All heavy atoms as atom14 arrays in JSON, in Angstrom:
{
  "sequence": "DGGALATPTRERILEDVLSRAKPSRRRPHVIGTV",
  "atom14_mask": [
    [1, 1, 1, 1, 1, 1, 1, 1, 0, 0, 0, 0, 0, 0],
    [1, 1, 1, 1, 0, 0, 0, 0, 0, 0, 0, 0, 0, 0],
    [1, 1, 1, 1, 0, 0, 0, 0, 0, 0, 0, 0, 0, 0],
    [1, 1, 1, 1, 1, 0, 0, 0, 0, 0, 0, 0, 0, 0],
    [1, 1, 1, 1, 1, 1, 1, 1, 0, 0, 0, 0, 0, 0],
    [1, 1, 1, 1, 1, 0, 0, 0, 0, 0, 0, 0, 0, 0],
    [1, 1, 1, 1, 1, 1, 1, 0, 0, 0, 0, 0, 0, 0],
    [1, 1, 1, 1, 1, 1, 1, 0, 0, 0, 0, 0, 0, 0],
    [1, 1, 1, 1, 1, 1, 1, 0, 0, 0, 0, 0, 0, 0],
    [1, 1, 1, 1, 1, 1, 1, 1, 1, 1, 1, 0, 0, 0],
    [1, 1, 1, 1, 1, 1, 1, 1, 1, 0, 0, 0, 0, 0],
    [1, 1, 1, 1, 1, 1, 1, 1, 1, 1, 1, 0, 0, 0],
    [1, 1, 1, 1, 1, 1, 1, 1, 0, 0, 0, 0, 0, 0],
    [1, 1, 1, 1, 1, 1, 1, 1, 0, 0, 0, 0, 0, 0],
    [1, 1, 1, 1, 1, 1, 1, 1, 1, 0, 0, 0, 0, 0],
    [1, 1, 1, 1, 1, 1, 1, 1, 0, 0, 0, 0, 0, 0],
    [1, 1, 1, 1, 1, 1, 1, 0, 0, 0, 0, 0, 0, 0],
    [1, 1, 1, 1, 1, 1, 1, 1, 0, 0, 0, 0, 0, 0],
    [1, 1, 1, 1, 1, 1, 0, 0, 0, 0, 0, 0, 0, 0],
    [1, 1, 1, 1, 1, 1, 1, 1, 1, 1, 1, 0, 0, 0],
    [1, 1, 1, 1, 1, 0, 0, 0, 0, 0, 0, 0, 0, 0],
    [1, 1, 1, 1, 1, 1, 1, 1, 1, 0, 0, 0, 0, 0],
    [1, 1, 1, 1, 1, 1, 1, 0, 0, 0, 0, 0, 0, 0],
    [1, 1, 1, 1, 1, 1, 0, 0, 0, 0, 0, 0, 0, 0],
    [1, 1, 1, 1, 1, 1, 1, 1, 1, 1, 1, 0, 0, 0],
    [1, 1, 1, 1, 1, 1, 1, 1, 1, 1, 1, 0, 0, 0],
    [1, 1, 1, 1, 1, 1, 1, 1, 1, 1, 1, 0, 0, 0],
    [1, 1, 1, 1, 1, 1, 1, 0, 0, 0, 0, 0, 0, 0],
    [1, 1, 1, 1, 1, 1, 1, 1, 1, 1, 0, 0, 0, 0],
    [1, 1, 1, 1, 1, 1, 1, 0, 0, 0, 0, 0, 0, 0],
    [1, 1, 1, 1, 1, 1, 1, 1, 0, 0, 0, 0, 0, 0],
    [1, 1, 1, 1, 0, 0, 0, 0, 0, 0, 0, 0, 0, 0],
    [1, 1, 1, 1, 1, 1, 1, 0, 0, 0, 0, 0, 0, 0],
    [1, 1, 1, 1, 1, 1, 1, 0, 0, 0, 0, 0, 0, 0]
  ],
  "atom14_positions": [
    [[-14.14, 84.59, 2.98], [-12.9, 84.65, 3.76], [-11.94, 83.56, 3.49], [-10.95, 83.38, 4.28], [-13.28, 84.78, 5.22], [-14.1, 83.62, 5.77], [-14.29, 82.62, 4.98], [-14.47, 83.66, 6.94], [0.0, 0.0, 0.0], [0.0, 0.0, 0.0], [0.0, 0.0, 0.0], [0.0, 0.0, 0.0], [0.0, 0.0, 0.0], [0.0, 0.0, 0.0]],
    [[-12.14, 82.76, 2.5], [-11.17, 81.63, 2.22], [-11.26, 80.55, 3.22], [-10.46, 79.71, 3.28], [0.0, 0.0, 0.0], [0.0, 0.0, 0.0], [0.0, 0.0, 0.0], [0.0, 0.0, 0.0], [0.0, 0.0, 0.0], [0.0, 0.0, 0.0], [0.0, 0.0, 0.0], [0.0, 0.0, 0.0], [0.0, 0.0, 0.0], [0.0, 0.0, 0.0]],
    [[-12.39, 80.51, 3.96], [-12.58, 79.32, 4.87], [-11.94, 79.56, 6.21], [-11.98, 78.68, 7.05], [0.0, 0.0, 0.0], [0.0, 0.0, 0.0], [0.0, 0.0, 0.0], [0.0, 0.0, 0.0], [0.0, 0.0, 0.0], [0.0, 0.0, 0.0], [0.0, 0.0, 0.0], [0.0, 0.0, 0.0], [0.0, 0.0, 0.0], [0.0, 0.0, 0.0]],
    [[-11.3, 80.68, 6.43], [-10.68, 80.99, 7.75], [-11.74, 81.22, 8.78], [-12.73, 81.89, 8.62], [-9.71, 82.2, 7.63], [0.0, 0.0, 0.0], [0.0, 0.0, 0.0], [0.0, 0.0, 0.0], [0.0, 0.0, 0.0], [0.0, 0.0, 0.0], [0.0, 0.0, 0.0], [0.0, 0.0, 0.0], [0.0, 0.0, 0.0], [0.0, 0.0, 0.0]],
    [[-11.56, 80.69, 9.97], [-12.42, 80.91, 11.11], [-11.95, 82.07, 11.95], [-10.72, 82.3, 12.03], [-12.46, 79.65, 12.01], [-13.04, 78.35, 11.42], [-12.84, 77.25, 12.38], [-14.54, 78.57, 11.17], [0.0, 0.0, 0.0], [0.0, 0.0, 0.0], [0.0, 0.0, 0.0], [0.0, 0.0, 0.0], [0.0, 0.0, 0.0], [0.0, 0.0, 0.0]],
    [[-12.9, 82.74, 12.52], [-12.49, 83.87, 13.41], [-11.88, 83.24, 14.67], [-12.13, 82.11, 15.07], [-13.79, 84.65, 13.78], [0.0, 0.0, 0.0], [0.0, 0.0, 0.0], [0.0, 0.0, 0.0], [0.0, 0.0, 0.0], [0.0, 0.0, 0.0], [0.0, 0.0, 0.0], [0.0, 0.0, 0.0], [0.0, 0.0, 0.0], [0.0, 0.0, 0.0]],
    [[-10.92, 84.03, 15.29], [-10.17, 83.52, 16.44], [-11.05, 83.05, 17.54], [-10.82, 81.92, 18.08], [-9.13, 84.6, 16.93], [-8.38, 85.01, 15.8], [-8.37, 84.12, 18.0], [0.0, 0.0, 0.0], [0.0, 0.0, 0.0], [0.0, 0.0, 0.0], [0.0, 0.0, 0.0], [0.0, 0.0, 0.0], [0.0, 0.0, 0.0], [0.0, 0.0, 0.0]],
    [[-12.08, 83.81, 17.95], [-12.96, 83.24, 19.07], [-13.63, 81.97, 18.64], [-13.72, 81.0, 19.53], [-13.97, 84.37, 19.29], [-13.49, 85.58, 18.55], [-12.47, 85.13, 17.61], [0.0, 0.0, 0.0], [0.0, 0.0, 0.0], [0.0, 0.0, 0.0], [0.0, 0.0, 0.0], [0.0, 0.0, 0.0], [0.0, 0.0, 0.0], [0.0, 0.0, 0.0]],
    [[-14.05, 81.86, 17.39], [-14.75, 80.64, 16.99], [-13.82, 79.49, 16.98], [-14.04, 78.35, 17.38], [-15.38, 80.82, 15.6], [-16.12, 81.98, 15.54], [-16.11, 79.59, 15.12], [0.0, 0.0, 0.0], [0.0, 0.0, 0.0], [0.0, 0.0, 0.0], [0.0, 0.0, 0.0], [0.0, 0.0, 0.0], [0.0, 0.0, 0.0], [0.0, 0.0, 0.0]],
    [[-12.62, 79.75, 16.46], [-11.53, 78.73, 16.43], [-11.22, 78.24, 17.83], [-11.09, 77.01, 18.05], [-10.28, 79.3, 15.68], [-9.25, 78.27, 15.46], [-8.1, 78.77, 14.68], [-7.6, 80.13, 15.17], [-7.34, 81.19, 14.36], [-7.66, 81.04, 13.09], [-6.92, 82.27, 14.93], [0.0, 0.0, 0.0], [0.0, 0.0, 0.0], [0.0, 0.0, 0.0]],
    [[-10.99, 79.15, 18.74], [-10.7, 78.79, 20.14], [-11.9, 77.99, 20.81], [-11.61, 76.98, 21.49], [-10.47, 80.04, 20.95], [-9.17, 80.75, 20.55], [-7.92, 79.94, 20.79], [-7.87, 79.25, 21.82], [-7.09, 79.99, 19.88], [0.0, 0.0, 0.0], [0.0, 0.0, 0.0], [0.0, 0.0, 0.0], [0.0, 0.0, 0.0], [0.0, 0.0, 0.0]],
    [[-13.06, 78.42, 20.58], [-14.25, 77.7, 21.09], [-14.32, 76.23, 20.58], [-14.58, 75.35, 21.34], [-15.52, 78.46, 20.85], [-16.72, 78.02, 21.66], [-17.97, 78.79, 21.38], [-18.52, 78.44, 20.04], [-18.61, 79.29, 19.02], [-18.17, 80.56, 19.16], [-19.08, 78.97, 17.87], [0.0, 0.0, 0.0], [0.0, 0.0, 0.0], [0.0, 0.0, 0.0]],
    [[-14.07, 76.14, 19.22], [-14.1, 74.72, 18.68], [-13.07, 73.93, 19.24], [-13.27, 72.7, 19.59], [-14.05, 74.83, 17.15], [-15.3, 75.48, 16.53], [-13.8, 73.49, 16.58], [-15.23, 75.79, 15.06], [0.0, 0.0, 0.0], [0.0, 0.0, 0.0], [0.0, 0.0, 0.0], [0.0, 0.0, 0.0], [0.0, 0.0, 0.0], [0.0, 0.0, 0.0]],
    [[-11.8, 74.5, 19.36], [-10.75, 73.78, 19.94], [-11.02, 73.27, 21.32], [-10.75, 72.18, 21.71], [-9.41, 74.57, 19.9], [-8.24, 73.93, 20.44], [-7.86, 72.64, 19.67], [-7.03, 74.92, 20.48], [0.0, 0.0, 0.0], [0.0, 0.0, 0.0], [0.0, 0.0, 0.0], [0.0, 0.0, 0.0], [0.0, 0.0, 0.0], [0.0, 0.0, 0.0]],
    [[-11.5, 74.15, 22.23], [-11.87, 73.83, 23.57], [-12.89, 72.76, 23.61], [-12.83, 71.77, 24.43], [-12.43, 75.02, 24.31], [-11.3, 76.01, 24.72], [-11.86, 77.33, 25.38], [-12.98, 77.24, 25.84], [-11.12, 78.29, 25.33], [0.0, 0.0, 0.0], [0.0, 0.0, 0.0], [0.0, 0.0, 0.0], [0.0, 0.0, 0.0], [0.0, 0.0, 0.0]],
    [[-13.89, 72.8, 22.73], [-14.94, 71.81, 22.68], [-14.34, 70.4, 22.21], [-14.72, 69.43, 22.81], [-16.04, 72.26, 21.68], [-17.18, 71.28, 21.7], [-17.61, 70.74, 22.7], [-17.66, 70.93, 20.5], [0.0, 0.0, 0.0], [0.0, 0.0, 0.0], [0.0, 0.0, 0.0], [0.0, 0.0, 0.0], [0.0, 0.0, 0.0], [0.0, 0.0, 0.0]],
    [[-13.59, 70.46, 21.25], [-12.92, 69.22, 20.77], [-12.07, 68.58, 21.87], [-12.12, 67.36, 22.19], [-12.08, 69.43, 19.49], [-11.21, 68.29, 19.2], [-13.0, 69.78, 18.3], [0.0, 0.0, 0.0], [0.0, 0.0, 0.0], [0.0, 0.0, 0.0], [0.0, 0.0, 0.0], [0.0, 0.0, 0.0], [0.0, 0.0, 0.0], [0.0, 0.0, 0.0]],
    [[-11.23, 69.41, 22.55], [-10.33, 68.92, 23.56], [-11.12, 68.37, 24.83], [-10.73, 67.47, 25.4], [-9.36, 70.02, 24.03], [-8.29, 70.35, 22.92], [-7.42, 71.48, 23.52], [-7.46, 69.14, 22.6], [0.0, 0.0, 0.0], [0.0, 0.0, 0.0], [0.0, 0.0, 0.0], [0.0, 0.0, 0.0], [0.0, 0.0, 0.0], [0.0, 0.0, 0.0]],
    [[-12.25, 68.99, 25.11], [-13.11, 68.57, 26.27], [-13.71, 67.21, 25.9], [-13.92, 66.48, 26.86], [-14.09, 69.62, 26.64], [-15.13, 69.67, 25.64], [0.0, 0.0, 0.0], [0.0, 0.0, 0.0], [0.0, 0.0, 0.0], [0.0, 0.0, 0.0], [0.0, 0.0, 0.0], [0.0, 0.0, 0.0], [0.0, 0.0, 0.0], [0.0, 0.0, 0.0]],
    [[-14.0, 66.96, 24.68], [-14.67, 65.71, 24.34], [-13.64, 64.61, 23.99], [-14.01, 63.42, 24.01], [-15.52, 65.92, 23.08], [-16.72, 66.78, 23.36], [-17.49, 66.99, 22.06], [-18.51, 68.01, 22.23], [-19.74, 67.93, 21.71], [-20.06, 66.86, 20.97], [-20.55, 68.88, 21.9], [0.0, 0.0, 0.0], [0.0, 0.0, 0.0], [0.0, 0.0, 0.0]],
    [[-12.41, 64.96, 23.68], [-11.5, 63.99, 23.39], [-11.07, 63.12, 24.59], [-10.89, 63.63, 25.72], [-10.18, 64.62, 22.84], [0.0, 0.0, 0.0], [0.0, 0.0, 0.0], [0.0, 0.0, 0.0], [0.0, 0.0, 0.0], [0.0, 0.0, 0.0], [0.0, 0.0, 0.0], [0.0, 0.0, 0.0], [0.0, 0.0, 0.0], [0.0, 0.0, 0.0]],
    [[-10.97, 61.81, 24.38], [-10.63, 60.89, 25.45], [-9.15, 60.51, 25.28], [-8.76, 60.19, 24.16], [-11.48, 59.65, 25.4], [-12.94, 59.9, 25.69], [-13.7, 58.65, 25.74], [-15.19, 58.96, 25.95], [-15.99, 57.73, 25.88], [0.0, 0.0, 0.0], [0.0, 0.0, 0.0], [0.0, 0.0, 0.0], [0.0, 0.0, 0.0], [0.0, 0.0, 0.0]],
    [[-8.36, 60.52, 26.3], [-6.99, 60.09, 26.17], [-6.93, 58.61, 25.9], [-7.79, 57.88, 26.4], [-6.32, 60.49, 27.47], [-7.47, 60.51, 28.42], [-8.66, 60.96, 27.69], [0.0, 0.0, 0.0], [0.0, 0.0, 0.0], [0.0, 0.0, 0.0], [0.0, 0.0, 0.0], [0.0, 0.0, 0.0], [0.0, 0.0, 0.0], [0.0, 0.0, 0.0]],
    [[-6.06, 58.24, 24.96], [-5.92, 56.79, 24.7], [-5.34, 56.07, 25.91], [-4.37, 56.54, 26.52], [-5.03, 56.59, 23.43], [-3.76, 56.94, 23.77], [0.0, 0.0, 0.0], [0.0, 0.0, 0.0], [0.0, 0.0, 0.0], [0.0, 0.0, 0.0], [0.0, 0.0, 0.0], [0.0, 0.0, 0.0], [0.0, 0.0, 0.0], [0.0, 0.0, 0.0]],
    [[-5.97, 55.05, 26.17], [-5.5, 54.16, 27.37], [-4.6, 53.12, 26.82], [-4.94, 52.32, 26.06], [-6.71, 53.55, 28.03], [-7.67, 54.61, 28.63], [-8.8, 54.05, 29.28], [-8.38, 53.24, 30.5], [-9.11, 52.42, 31.2], [-10.31, 52.13, 30.77], [-8.58, 51.84, 32.22], [0.0, 0.0, 0.0], [0.0, 0.0, 0.0], [0.0, 0.0, 0.0]],
    [[-3.44, 53.17, 27.37], [-2.35, 52.19, 27.01], [-2.63, 50.93, 27.87], [-2.28, 50.98, 29.03], [-0.97, 52.74, 27.11], [-0.68, 53.91, 26.27], [-0.02, 53.54, 25.03], [0.78, 52.4, 25.06], [1.67, 52.07, 24.16], [1.68, 52.8, 23.06], [2.39, 51.07, 24.2], [0.0, 0.0, 0.0], [0.0, 0.0, 0.0], [0.0, 0.0, 0.0]],
    [[-3.13, 49.94, 27.35], [-3.25, 48.72, 28.14], [-2.06, 47.82, 27.94], [-1.52, 47.75, 26.83], [-4.52, 47.88, 27.58], [-5.82, 48.55, 27.84], [-6.95, 47.72, 27.33], [-6.9, 47.76, 25.92], [-7.61, 47.01, 25.11], [-8.46, 46.22, 25.63], [-7.55, 47.07, 23.79], [0.0, 0.0, 0.0], [0.0, 0.0, 0.0], [0.0, 0.0, 0.0]],
    [[-1.64, 47.21, 28.98], [-0.53, 46.35, 28.82], [-0.91, 45.11, 27.92], [-1.9, 44.55, 28.14], [-0.14, 45.96, 30.24], [-1.38, 46.19, 31.0], [-2.11, 47.28, 30.3], [0.0, 0.0, 0.0], [0.0, 0.0, 0.0], [0.0, 0.0, 0.0], [0.0, 0.0, 0.0], [0.0, 0.0, 0.0], [0.0, 0.0, 0.0], [0.0, 0.0, 0.0]],
    [[-0.05, 44.84, 27.01], [-0.31, 43.71, 26.14], [0.28, 42.42, 26.78], [1.33, 41.93, 26.39], [0.23, 44.0, 24.74], [-0.32, 45.14, 24.09], [-1.57, 45.19, 23.49], [0.12, 46.43, 23.91], [-1.85, 46.35, 23.11], [-0.88, 47.08, 23.3], [0.0, 0.0, 0.0], [0.0, 0.0, 0.0], [0.0, 0.0, 0.0], [0.0, 0.0, 0.0]],
    [[-0.43, 41.94, 27.82], [0.02, 40.74, 28.47], [0.19, 39.55, 27.58], [1.2, 38.83, 27.62], [-0.82, 40.49, 29.69], [-0.35, 39.24, 30.43], [-0.85, 41.6, 30.65], [0.0, 0.0, 0.0], [0.0, 0.0, 0.0], [0.0, 0.0, 0.0], [0.0, 0.0, 0.0], [0.0, 0.0, 0.0], [0.0, 0.0, 0.0], [0.0, 0.0, 0.0]],
    [[-0.84, 39.35, 26.79], [-0.82, 38.16, 25.96], [0.37, 38.23, 24.92], [1.03, 37.29, 24.73], [-2.19, 38.05, 25.21], [-3.23, 37.73, 26.2], [-2.09, 36.94, 24.13], [-4.69, 37.74, 25.58], [0.0, 0.0, 0.0], [0.0, 0.0, 0.0], [0.0, 0.0, 0.0], [0.0, 0.0, 0.0], [0.0, 0.0, 0.0], [0.0, 0.0, 0.0]],
    [[0.55, 39.41, 24.37], [1.68, 39.61, 23.4], [2.99, 39.36, 24.11], [3.93, 38.77, 23.53], [0.0, 0.0, 0.0], [0.0, 0.0, 0.0], [0.0, 0.0, 0.0], [0.0, 0.0, 0.0], [0.0, 0.0, 0.0], [0.0, 0.0, 0.0], [0.0, 0.0, 0.0], [0.0, 0.0, 0.0], [0.0, 0.0, 0.0], [0.0, 0.0, 0.0]],
    [[3.15, 39.88, 25.33], [4.35, 39.75, 26.02], [4.63, 38.28, 26.35], [5.73, 37.78, 26.16], [4.31, 40.54, 27.34], [4.07, 41.85, 26.99], [5.62, 40.44, 28.11], [0.0, 0.0, 0.0], [0.0, 0.0, 0.0], [0.0, 0.0, 0.0], [0.0, 0.0, 0.0], [0.0, 0.0, 0.0], [0.0, 0.0, 0.0], [0.0, 0.0, 0.0]],
    [[3.59, 37.55, 26.8], [3.74, 36.13, 27.2], [4.08, 35.34, 25.92], [5.02, 34.48, 25.97], [2.46, 35.57, 27.89], [2.44, 34.08, 27.96], [2.3, 36.23, 29.19], [0.0, 0.0, 0.0], [0.0, 0.0, 0.0], [0.0, 0.0, 0.0], [0.0, 0.0, 0.0], [0.0, 0.0, 0.0], [0.0, 0.0, 0.0], [0.0, 0.0, 0.0]]
  ]
}
């Protein structure tokens, strides 16, 4: 199939990846600011 994933498989993988992904935490760069 040229490497194409079936729609349900693609959706399941996307949901799994999004559930495991952690949002990046923006820490204030106090030292850099000072």
